[in-house]
mmCIF file of all heavy atoms, coordinates in Angstrom:
data_MODEL
# 
_entry.id   MODEL 
# 
loop_
_atom_site.group_PDB 
_atom_site.id 
_atom_site.type_symbol 
_atom_site.label_atom_id 
_atom_site.label_alt_id 
_atom_site.label_comp_id 
_atom_site.label_asym_id 
_atom_site.label_entity_id 
_atom_site.label_seq_id 
_atom_site.pdbx_PDB_ins_code 
_atom_site.Cartn_x 
_atom_site.Cartn_y 
_atom_site.Cartn_z 
_atom_site.occupancy 
_atom_site.B_iso_or_equiv 
_atom_site.pdbx_formal_charge 
_atom_site.auth_seq_id 
_atom_site.auth_comp_id 
_atom_site.auth_asym_id 
_atom_site.auth_atom_id 
_atom_site.pdbx_PDB_model_num 
ATOM 1   N N   . ASP A 1 1  ? -27.275 -8.620  -14.729 1.00 0.00 ? 1  ASP A N   1 
ATOM 2   C CA  . ASP A 1 1  ? -28.698 -8.434  -14.495 1.00 0.00 ? 1  ASP A CA  1 
ATOM 3   C C   . ASP A 1 1  ? -28.917 -7.106  -13.765 1.00 0.00 ? 1  ASP A C   1 
ATOM 4   O O   . ASP A 1 1  ? -27.957 -6.385  -13.443 1.00 0.00 ? 1  ASP A O   1 
ATOM 5   C CB  . ASP A 1 1  ? -29.294 -9.617  -13.730 1.00 0.00 ? 1  ASP A CB  1 
ATOM 6   C CG  . ASP A 1 1  ? -28.677 -9.831  -12.347 1.00 0.00 ? 1  ASP A CG  1 
ATOM 7   O OD1 . ASP A 1 1  ? -28.210 -8.846  -11.737 1.00 0.00 ? 1  ASP A OD1 1 
ATOM 8   O OD2 . ASP A 1 1  ? -28.684 -10.992 -11.862 1.00 0.00 ? 1  ASP A OD2 1 
ATOM 9   N N   . ALA A 1 2  ? -30.172 -6.767  -13.482 1.00 0.00 ? 2  ALA A N   1 
ATOM 10  C CA  . ALA A 1 2  ? -30.482 -5.447  -12.915 1.00 0.00 ? 2  ALA A CA  1 
ATOM 11  C C   . ALA A 1 2  ? -29.815 -5.247  -11.552 1.00 0.00 ? 2  ALA A C   1 
ATOM 12  O O   . ALA A 1 2  ? -29.291 -4.161  -11.255 1.00 0.00 ? 2  ALA A O   1 
ATOM 13  C CB  . ALA A 1 2  ? -31.993 -5.278  -12.795 1.00 0.00 ? 2  ALA A CB  1 
ATOM 14  N N   . ALA A 1 3  ? -29.803 -6.297  -10.718 1.00 0.00 ? 3  ALA A N   1 
ATOM 15  C CA  . ALA A 1 3  ? -29.196 -6.174  -9.388  1.00 0.00 ? 3  ALA A CA  1 
ATOM 16  C C   . ALA A 1 3  ? -27.687 -5.990  -9.493  1.00 0.00 ? 3  ALA A C   1 
ATOM 17  O O   . ALA A 1 3  ? -27.091 -5.183  -8.760  1.00 0.00 ? 3  ALA A O   1 
ATOM 18  C CB  . ALA A 1 3  ? -29.539 -7.402  -8.551  1.00 0.00 ? 3  ALA A CB  1 
ATOM 19  N N   . GLN A 1 4  ? -27.054 -6.738  -10.388 1.00 0.00 ? 4  GLN A N   1 
ATOM 20  C CA  . GLN A 1 4  ? -25.608 -6.595  -10.561 1.00 0.00 ? 4  GLN A CA  1 
ATOM 21  C C   . GLN A 1 4  ? -25.242 -5.230  -11.117 1.00 0.00 ? 4  GLN A C   1 
ATOM 22  O O   . GLN A 1 4  ? -24.255 -4.617  -10.696 1.00 0.00 ? 4  GLN A O   1 
ATOM 23  C CB  . GLN A 1 4  ? -25.100 -7.711  -11.486 1.00 0.00 ? 4  GLN A CB  1 
ATOM 24  C CG  . GLN A 1 4  ? -25.148 -9.092  -10.855 1.00 0.00 ? 4  GLN A CG  1 
ATOM 25  C CD  . GLN A 1 4  ? -24.855 -10.191 -11.855 1.00 0.00 ? 4  GLN A CD  1 
ATOM 26  O OE1 . GLN A 1 4  ? -25.199 -10.082 -13.040 1.00 0.00 ? 4  GLN A OE1 1 
ATOM 27  N NE2 . GLN A 1 4  ? -24.222 -11.248 -11.397 1.00 0.00 ? 4  GLN A NE2 1 
ATOM 28  N N   . ARG A 1 5  ? -26.047 -4.733  -12.055 1.00 0.00 ? 5  ARG A N   1 
ATOM 29  C CA  . ARG A 1 5  ? -25.781 -3.404  -12.612 1.00 0.00 ? 5  ARG A CA  1 
ATOM 30  C C   . ARG A 1 5  ? -25.923 -2.342  -11.527 1.00 0.00 ? 5  ARG A C   1 
ATOM 31  O O   . ARG A 1 5  ? -25.145 -1.383  -11.480 1.00 0.00 ? 5  ARG A O   1 
ATOM 32  C CB  . ARG A 1 5  ? -26.711 -3.150  -13.780 1.00 0.00 ? 5  ARG A CB  1 
ATOM 33  C CG  . ARG A 1 5  ? -26.615 -1.753  -14.374 1.00 0.00 ? 5  ARG A CG  1 
ATOM 34  C CD  . ARG A 1 5  ? -25.218 -1.437  -14.941 1.00 0.00 ? 5  ARG A CD  1 
ATOM 35  N NE  . ARG A 1 5  ? -25.100 -0.005  -15.151 1.00 0.00 ? 5  ARG A NE  1 
ATOM 36  C CZ  . ARG A 1 5  ? -25.580 0.623   -16.217 1.00 0.00 ? 5  ARG A CZ  1 
ATOM 37  N NH1 . ARG A 1 5  ? -26.193 -0.069  -17.184 1.00 0.00 ? 5  ARG A NH1 1 
ATOM 38  N NH2 . ARG A 1 5  ? -25.428 1.934   -16.341 1.00 0.00 ? 5  ARG A NH2 1 
ATOM 39  N N   . LYS A 1 6  ? -26.911 -2.486  -10.658 1.00 0.00 ? 6  LYS A N   1 
ATOM 40  C CA  . LYS A 1 6  ? -27.078 -1.538  -9.558  1.00 0.00 ? 6  LYS A CA  1 
ATOM 41  C C   . LYS A 1 6  ? -25.855 -1.561  -8.645  1.00 0.00 ? 6  LYS A C   1 
ATOM 42  O O   . LYS A 1 6  ? -25.366 -0.506  -8.214  1.00 0.00 ? 6  LYS A O   1 
ATOM 43  C CB  . LYS A 1 6  ? -28.341 -1.878  -8.773  1.00 0.00 ? 6  LYS A CB  1 
ATOM 44  C CG  . LYS A 1 6  ? -28.642 -0.897  -7.648  1.00 0.00 ? 6  LYS A CG  1 
ATOM 45  C CD  . LYS A 1 6  ? -29.947 -1.255  -6.942  1.00 0.00 ? 6  LYS A CD  1 
ATOM 46  C CE  . LYS A 1 6  ? -30.239 -0.268  -5.811  1.00 0.00 ? 6  LYS A CE  1 
ATOM 47  N NZ  . LYS A 1 6  ? -31.504 -0.627  -5.105  1.00 0.00 ? 6  LYS A NZ  1 
ATOM 48  N N   . THR A 1 7  ? -25.334 -2.755  -8.367  1.00 0.00 ? 7  THR A N   1 
ATOM 49  C CA  . THR A 1 7  ? -24.138 -2.871  -7.531  1.00 0.00 ? 7  THR A CA  1 
ATOM 50  C C   . THR A 1 7  ? -22.953 -2.198  -8.201  1.00 0.00 ? 7  THR A C   1 
ATOM 51  O O   . THR A 1 7  ? -22.175 -1.478  -7.550  1.00 0.00 ? 7  THR A O   1 
ATOM 52  C CB  . THR A 1 7  ? -23.823 -4.353  -7.253  1.00 0.00 ? 7  THR A CB  1 
ATOM 53  O OG1 . THR A 1 7  ? -24.943 -4.969  -6.624  1.00 0.00 ? 7  THR A OG1 1 
ATOM 54  C CG2 . THR A 1 7  ? -22.595 -4.494  -6.352  1.00 0.00 ? 7  THR A CG2 1 
ATOM 55  N N   . VAL A 1 8  ? -22.788 -2.403  -9.500  1.00 0.00 ? 8  VAL A N   1 
ATOM 56  C CA  . VAL A 1 8  ? -21.683 -1.788  -10.232 1.00 0.00 ? 8  VAL A CA  1 
ATOM 57  C C   . VAL A 1 8  ? -21.799 -0.264  -10.188 1.00 0.00 ? 8  VAL A C   1 
ATOM 58  O O   . VAL A 1 8  ? -20.798 0.440   -10.002 1.00 0.00 ? 8  VAL A O   1 
ATOM 59  C CB  . VAL A 1 8  ? -21.641 -2.312  -11.688 1.00 0.00 ? 8  VAL A CB  1 
ATOM 60  C CG1 . VAL A 1 8  ? -20.694 -1.478  -12.535 1.00 0.00 ? 8  VAL A CG1 1 
ATOM 61  C CG2 . VAL A 1 8  ? -21.202 -3.766  -11.703 1.00 0.00 ? 8  VAL A CG2 1 
ATOM 62  N N   . ASP A 1 9  ? -22.995 0.261   -10.336 1.00 0.00 ? 9  ASP A N   1 
ATOM 63  C CA  . ASP A 1 9  ? -23.173 1.719   -10.287 1.00 0.00 ? 9  ASP A CA  1 
ATOM 64  C C   . ASP A 1 9  ? -22.823 2.277   -8.910  1.00 0.00 ? 9  ASP A C   1 
ATOM 65  O O   . ASP A 1 9  ? -22.209 3.343   -8.799  1.00 0.00 ? 9  ASP A O   1 
ATOM 66  C CB  . ASP A 1 9  ? -24.601 2.092   -10.669 1.00 0.00 ? 9  ASP A CB  1 
ATOM 67  C CG  . ASP A 1 9  ? -24.887 1.904   -12.152 1.00 0.00 ? 9  ASP A CG  1 
ATOM 68  O OD1 . ASP A 1 9  ? -23.915 1.846   -12.941 1.00 0.00 ? 9  ASP A OD1 1 
ATOM 69  O OD2 . ASP A 1 9  ? -26.072 1.828   -12.531 1.00 0.00 ? 9  ASP A OD2 1 
ATOM 70  N N   . VAL A 1 10 ? -23.214 1.559   -7.851  1.00 0.00 ? 10 VAL A N   1 
ATOM 71  C CA  . VAL A 1 10 ? -22.854 1.990   -6.497  1.00 0.00 ? 10 VAL A CA  1 
ATOM 72  C C   . VAL A 1 10 ? -21.336 1.960   -6.324  1.00 0.00 ? 10 VAL A C   1 
ATOM 73  O O   . VAL A 1 10 ? -20.730 2.902   -5.784  1.00 0.00 ? 10 VAL A O   1 
ATOM 74  C CB  . VAL A 1 10 ? -23.546 1.091   -5.451  1.00 0.00 ? 10 VAL A CB  1 
ATOM 75  C CG1 . VAL A 1 10 ? -22.976 1.339   -4.054  1.00 0.00 ? 10 VAL A CG1 1 
ATOM 76  C CG2 . VAL A 1 10 ? -25.049 1.333   -5.452  1.00 0.00 ? 10 VAL A CG2 1 
ATOM 77  N N   . LEU A 1 11 ? -20.706 0.894   -6.790  1.00 0.00 ? 11 LEU A N   1 
ATOM 78  C CA  . LEU A 1 11 ? -19.251 0.786   -6.698  1.00 0.00 ? 11 LEU A CA  1 
ATOM 79  C C   . LEU A 1 11 ? -18.564 1.900   -7.491  1.00 0.00 ? 11 LEU A C   1 
ATOM 80  O O   . LEU A 1 11 ? -17.533 2.434   -7.065  1.00 0.00 ? 11 LEU A O   1 
ATOM 81  C CB  . LEU A 1 11 ? -18.791 -0.580  -7.202  1.00 0.00 ? 11 LEU A CB  1 
ATOM 82  C CG  . LEU A 1 11 ? -19.109 -1.761  -6.272  1.00 0.00 ? 11 LEU A CG  1 
ATOM 83  C CD1 . LEU A 1 11 ? -18.911 -3.084  -7.009  1.00 0.00 ? 11 LEU A CD1 1 
ATOM 84  C CD2 . LEU A 1 11 ? -18.243 -1.716  -5.027  1.00 0.00 ? 11 LEU A CD2 1 
ATOM 85  N N   . GLY A 1 12 ? -19.132 2.253   -8.650  1.00 0.00 ? 12 GLY A N   1 
ATOM 86  C CA  . GLY A 1 12 ? -18.544 3.315   -9.460  1.00 0.00 ? 12 GLY A CA  1 
ATOM 87  C C   . GLY A 1 12 ? -18.490 4.637   -8.724  1.00 0.00 ? 12 GLY A C   1 
ATOM 88  O O   . GLY A 1 12 ? -17.476 5.356   -8.774  1.00 0.00 ? 12 GLY A O   1 
ATOM 89  N N   . ASP A 1 13 ? -19.567 4.954   -8.004  1.00 0.00 ? 13 ASP A N   1 
ATOM 90  C CA  . ASP A 1 13 ? -19.598 6.218   -7.268  1.00 0.00 ? 13 ASP A CA  1 
ATOM 91  C C   . ASP A 1 13 ? -18.749 6.171   -6.002  1.00 0.00 ? 13 ASP A C   1 
ATOM 92  O O   . ASP A 1 13 ? -18.415 7.215   -5.436  1.00 0.00 ? 13 ASP A O   1 
ATOM 93  C CB  . ASP A 1 13 ? -21.035 6.587   -6.922  1.00 0.00 ? 13 ASP A CB  1 
ATOM 94  C CG  . ASP A 1 13 ? -21.794 7.113   -8.144  1.00 0.00 ? 13 ASP A CG  1 
ATOM 95  O OD1 . ASP A 1 13 ? -21.146 7.608   -9.077  1.00 0.00 ? 13 ASP A OD1 1 
ATOM 96  O OD2 . ASP A 1 13 ? -23.035 7.014   -8.157  1.00 0.00 ? 13 ASP A OD2 1 
ATOM 97  N N   . LEU A 1 14 ? -18.383 4.970   -5.548  1.00 0.00 ? 14 LEU A N   1 
ATOM 98  C CA  . LEU A 1 14 ? -17.452 4.838   -4.428  1.00 0.00 ? 14 LEU A CA  1 
ATOM 99  C C   . LEU A 1 14 ? -16.003 4.895   -4.896  1.00 0.00 ? 14 LEU A C   1 
ATOM 100 O O   . LEU A 1 14 ? -15.139 5.488   -4.240  1.00 0.00 ? 14 LEU A O   1 
ATOM 101 C CB  . LEU A 1 14 ? -17.705 3.525   -3.678  1.00 0.00 ? 14 LEU A CB  1 
ATOM 102 C CG  . LEU A 1 14 ? -19.031 3.420   -2.912  1.00 0.00 ? 14 LEU A CG  1 
ATOM 103 C CD1 . LEU A 1 14 ? -19.252 1.994   -2.437  1.00 0.00 ? 14 LEU A CD1 1 
ATOM 104 C CD2 . LEU A 1 14 ? -19.033 4.386   -1.736  1.00 0.00 ? 14 LEU A CD2 1 
ATOM 105 N N   . ILE A 1 15 ? -15.726 4.289   -6.047  1.00 0.00 ? 15 ILE A N   1 
ATOM 106 C CA  . ILE A 1 15 ? -14.355 4.238   -6.561  1.00 0.00 ? 15 ILE A CA  1 
ATOM 107 C C   . ILE A 1 15 ? -13.944 5.572   -7.182  1.00 0.00 ? 15 ILE A C   1 
ATOM 108 O O   . ILE A 1 15 ? -12.842 6.082   -6.950  1.00 0.00 ? 15 ILE A O   1 
ATOM 109 C CB  . ILE A 1 15 ? -14.232 3.087   -7.585  1.00 0.00 ? 15 ILE A CB  1 
ATOM 110 C CG1 . ILE A 1 15 ? -14.388 1.738   -6.873  1.00 0.00 ? 15 ILE A CG1 1 
ATOM 111 C CG2 . ILE A 1 15 ? -12.894 3.135   -8.317  1.00 0.00 ? 15 ILE A CG2 1 
ATOM 112 C CD1 . ILE A 1 15 ? -14.545 0.555   -7.814  1.00 0.00 ? 15 ILE A CD1 1 
ATOM 113 N N   . LEU A 1 16 ? -14.832 6.146   -7.986  1.00 0.00 ? 16 LEU A N   1 
ATOM 114 C CA  . LEU A 1 16 ? -14.592 7.461   -8.597  1.00 0.00 ? 16 LEU A CA  1 
ATOM 115 C C   . LEU A 1 16 ? -15.783 8.358   -8.250  1.00 0.00 ? 16 LEU A C   1 
ATOM 116 O O   . LEU A 1 16 ? -16.708 8.516   -9.030  1.00 0.00 ? 16 LEU A O   1 
ATOM 117 C CB  . LEU A 1 16 ? -14.439 7.333   -10.121 1.00 0.00 ? 16 LEU A CB  1 
ATOM 118 C CG  . LEU A 1 16 ? -13.143 6.682   -10.618 1.00 0.00 ? 16 LEU A CG  1 
ATOM 119 C CD1 . LEU A 1 16 ? -13.208 6.439   -12.123 1.00 0.00 ? 16 LEU A CD1 1 
ATOM 120 C CD2 . LEU A 1 16 ? -11.948 7.553   -10.292 1.00 0.00 ? 16 LEU A CD2 1 
ATOM 121 N N   . PRO A 1 17 ? -15.786 8.930   -7.039  1.00 0.00 ? 17 PRO A N   1 
ATOM 122 C CA  . PRO A 1 17 ? -16.961 9.676   -6.589  1.00 0.00 ? 17 PRO A CA  1 
ATOM 123 C C   . PRO A 1 17 ? -17.090 11.038  -7.252  1.00 0.00 ? 17 PRO A C   1 
ATOM 124 O O   . PRO A 1 17 ? -16.150 11.547  -7.874  1.00 0.00 ? 17 PRO A O   1 
ATOM 125 C CB  . PRO A 1 17 ? -16.700 9.834   -5.085  1.00 0.00 ? 17 PRO A CB  1 
ATOM 126 C CG  . PRO A 1 17 ? -15.216 9.795   -4.952  1.00 0.00 ? 17 PRO A CG  1 
ATOM 127 C CD  . PRO A 1 17 ? -14.731 8.852   -6.028  1.00 0.00 ? 17 PRO A CD  1 
ATOM 128 N N   . GLN A 1 18 ? -18.246 11.596  -7.113  1.00 0.00 ? 18 GLN A N   1 
ATOM 129 C CA  . GLN A 1 18 ? -18.500 12.945  -7.614  1.00 0.00 ? 18 GLN A CA  1 
ATOM 130 C C   . GLN A 1 18 ? -17.593 13.944  -6.911  1.00 0.00 ? 18 GLN A C   1 
ATOM 131 O O   . GLN A 1 18 ? -17.309 13.832  -5.722  1.00 0.00 ? 18 GLN A O   1 
ATOM 132 C CB  . GLN A 1 18 ? -19.963 13.304  -7.344  1.00 0.00 ? 18 GLN A CB  1 
ATOM 133 C CG  . GLN A 1 18 ? -20.357 14.717  -7.733  1.00 0.00 ? 18 GLN A CG  1 
ATOM 134 C CD  . GLN A 1 18 ? -21.810 15.030  -7.434  1.00 0.00 ? 18 GLN A CD  1 
ATOM 135 O OE1 . GLN A 1 18 ? -22.554 14.143  -7.015  1.00 0.00 ? 18 GLN A OE1 1 
ATOM 136 N NE2 . GLN A 1 18 ? -22.204 16.262  -7.605  1.00 0.00 ? 18 GLN A NE2 1 
ATOM 137 N N   . ASP A 1 19 ? -17.116 14.922  -7.674  1.00 0.00 ? 19 ASP A N   1 
ATOM 138 C CA  . ASP A 1 19 ? -16.364 16.026  -7.092  1.00 0.00 ? 19 ASP A CA  1 
ATOM 139 C C   . ASP A 1 19 ? -16.770 17.308  -7.793  1.00 0.00 ? 19 ASP A C   1 
ATOM 140 O O   . ASP A 1 19 ? -17.747 17.334  -8.548  1.00 0.00 ? 19 ASP A O   1 
ATOM 141 C CB  . ASP A 1 19 ? -14.851 15.778  -7.168  1.00 0.00 ? 19 ASP A CB  1 
ATOM 142 C CG  . ASP A 1 19 ? -14.336 15.610  -8.594  1.00 0.00 ? 19 ASP A CG  1 
ATOM 143 O OD1 . ASP A 1 19 ? -15.061 16.006  -9.547  1.00 0.00 ? 19 ASP A OD1 1 
ATOM 144 O OD2 . ASP A 1 19 ? -13.231 15.084  -8.782  1.00 0.00 ? 19 ASP A OD2 1 
ATOM 145 N N   . ALA A 1 20 ? -16.022 18.390  -7.541  1.00 0.00 ? 20 ALA A N   1 
ATOM 146 C CA  . ALA A 1 20 ? -16.392 19.678  -8.127  1.00 0.00 ? 20 ALA A CA  1 
ATOM 147 C C   . ALA A 1 20 ? -16.262 19.680  -9.642  1.00 0.00 ? 20 ALA A C   1 
ATOM 148 O O   . ALA A 1 20 ? -16.878 20.501  -10.326 1.00 0.00 ? 20 ALA A O   1 
ATOM 149 C CB  . ALA A 1 20 ? -15.516 20.782  -7.529  1.00 0.00 ? 20 ALA A CB  1 
ATOM 150 N N   . ALA A 1 21 ? -15.447 18.772  -10.197 1.00 0.00 ? 21 ALA A N   1 
ATOM 151 C CA  . ALA A 1 21 ? -15.184 18.773  -11.633 1.00 0.00 ? 21 ALA A CA  1 
ATOM 152 C C   . ALA A 1 21 ? -16.126 17.893  -12.433 1.00 0.00 ? 21 ALA A C   1 
ATOM 153 O O   . ALA A 1 21 ? -16.388 18.170  -13.600 1.00 0.00 ? 21 ALA A O   1 
ATOM 154 C CB  . ALA A 1 21 ? -13.738 18.343  -11.896 1.00 0.00 ? 21 ALA A CB  1 
ATOM 155 N N   . SER A 1 22 ? -16.646 16.825  -11.828 1.00 0.00 ? 22 SER A N   1 
ATOM 156 C CA  . SER A 1 22 ? -17.441 15.880  -12.622 1.00 0.00 ? 22 SER A CA  1 
ATOM 157 C C   . SER A 1 22 ? -18.312 15.026  -11.724 1.00 0.00 ? 22 SER A C   1 
ATOM 158 O O   . SER A 1 22 ? -18.027 14.882  -10.523 1.00 0.00 ? 22 SER A O   1 
ATOM 159 C CB  . SER A 1 22 ? -16.521 14.984  -13.454 1.00 0.00 ? 22 SER A CB  1 
ATOM 160 O OG  . SER A 1 22 ? -15.715 14.183  -12.598 1.00 0.00 ? 22 SER A OG  1 
ATOM 161 N N   . PRO A 1 23 ? -19.365 14.414  -12.284 1.00 0.00 ? 23 PRO A N   1 
ATOM 162 C CA  . PRO A 1 23 ? -20.159 13.435  -11.525 1.00 0.00 ? 23 PRO A CA  1 
ATOM 163 C C   . PRO A 1 23 ? -19.348 12.180  -11.244 1.00 0.00 ? 23 PRO A C   1 
ATOM 164 O O   . PRO A 1 23 ? -18.254 11.978  -11.792 1.00 0.00 ? 23 PRO A O   1 
ATOM 165 C CB  . PRO A 1 23 ? -21.337 13.149  -12.463 1.00 0.00 ? 23 PRO A CB  1 
ATOM 166 C CG  . PRO A 1 23 ? -21.317 14.227  -13.494 1.00 0.00 ? 23 PRO A CG  1 
ATOM 167 C CD  . PRO A 1 23 ? -19.897 14.657  -13.617 1.00 0.00 ? 23 PRO A CD  1 
ATOM 168 N N   . GLY A 1 24 ? -19.892 11.313  -10.397 1.00 0.00 ? 24 GLY A N   1 
ATOM 169 C CA  . GLY A 1 24 ? -19.249 10.031  -10.144 1.00 0.00 ? 24 GLY A CA  1 
ATOM 170 C C   . GLY A 1 24 ? -19.361 9.095   -11.331 1.00 0.00 ? 24 GLY A C   1 
ATOM 171 O O   . GLY A 1 24 ? -20.189 9.281   -12.226 1.00 0.00 ? 24 GLY A O   1 
ATOM 172 N N   . ALA A 1 25 ? -18.517 8.059   -11.330 1.00 0.00 ? 25 ALA A N   1 
ATOM 173 C CA  . ALA A 1 25 ? -18.505 7.115   -12.448 1.00 0.00 ? 25 ALA A CA  1 
ATOM 174 C C   . ALA A 1 25 ? -19.824 6.365   -12.575 1.00 0.00 ? 25 ALA A C   1 
ATOM 175 O O   . ALA A 1 25 ? -20.268 6.066   -13.681 1.00 0.00 ? 25 ALA A O   1 
ATOM 176 C CB  . ALA A 1 25 ? -17.352 6.132   -12.285 1.00 0.00 ? 25 ALA A CB  1 
ATOM 177 N N   . GLY A 1 26 ? -20.470 6.058   -11.449 1.00 0.00 ? 26 GLY A N   1 
ATOM 178 C CA  . GLY A 1 26 ? -21.759 5.382   -11.522 1.00 0.00 ? 26 GLY A CA  1 
ATOM 179 C C   . GLY A 1 26 ? -22.829 6.252   -12.147 1.00 0.00 ? 26 GLY A C   1 
ATOM 180 O O   . GLY A 1 26 ? -23.587 5.801   -13.014 1.00 0.00 ? 26 GLY A O   1 
ATOM 181 N N   . ALA A 1 27 ? -22.868 7.500   -11.729 1.00 0.00 ? 27 ALA A N   1 
ATOM 182 C CA  . ALA A 1 27 ? -23.870 8.427   -12.268 1.00 0.00 ? 27 ALA A CA  1 
ATOM 183 C C   . ALA A 1 27 ? -23.660 8.693   -13.755 1.00 0.00 ? 27 ALA A C   1 
ATOM 184 O O   . ALA A 1 27 ? -24.624 8.950   -14.487 1.00 0.00 ? 27 ALA A O   1 
ATOM 185 C CB  . ALA A 1 27 ? -23.838 9.739   -11.493 1.00 0.00 ? 27 ALA A CB  1 
ATOM 186 N N   . LEU A 1 28 ? -22.420 8.616   -14.221 1.00 0.00 ? 28 LEU A N   1 
ATOM 187 C CA  . LEU A 1 28 ? -22.122 8.858   -15.633 1.00 0.00 ? 28 LEU A CA  1 
ATOM 188 C C   . LEU A 1 28 ? -22.418 7.648   -16.519 1.00 0.00 ? 28 LEU A C   1 
ATOM 189 O O   . LEU A 1 28 ? -22.302 7.737   -17.743 1.00 0.00 ? 28 LEU A O   1 
ATOM 190 C CB  . LEU A 1 28 ? -20.653 9.251   -15.806 1.00 0.00 ? 28 LEU A CB  1 
ATOM 191 C CG  . LEU A 1 28 ? -20.309 10.715  -15.534 1.00 0.00 ? 28 LEU A CG  1 
ATOM 192 C CD1 . LEU A 1 28 ? -18.799 10.933  -15.624 1.00 0.00 ? 28 LEU A CD1 1 
ATOM 193 C CD2 . LEU A 1 28 ? -21.020 11.630  -16.528 1.00 0.00 ? 28 LEU A CD2 1 
# 
């Protein structure tokens, strides 16, 4: 659902965060 997807996106940017080479996994 929308809340779970939001949580997954937050976790994505924590697990594979943005760096100089690419955006975070959540943002992608």
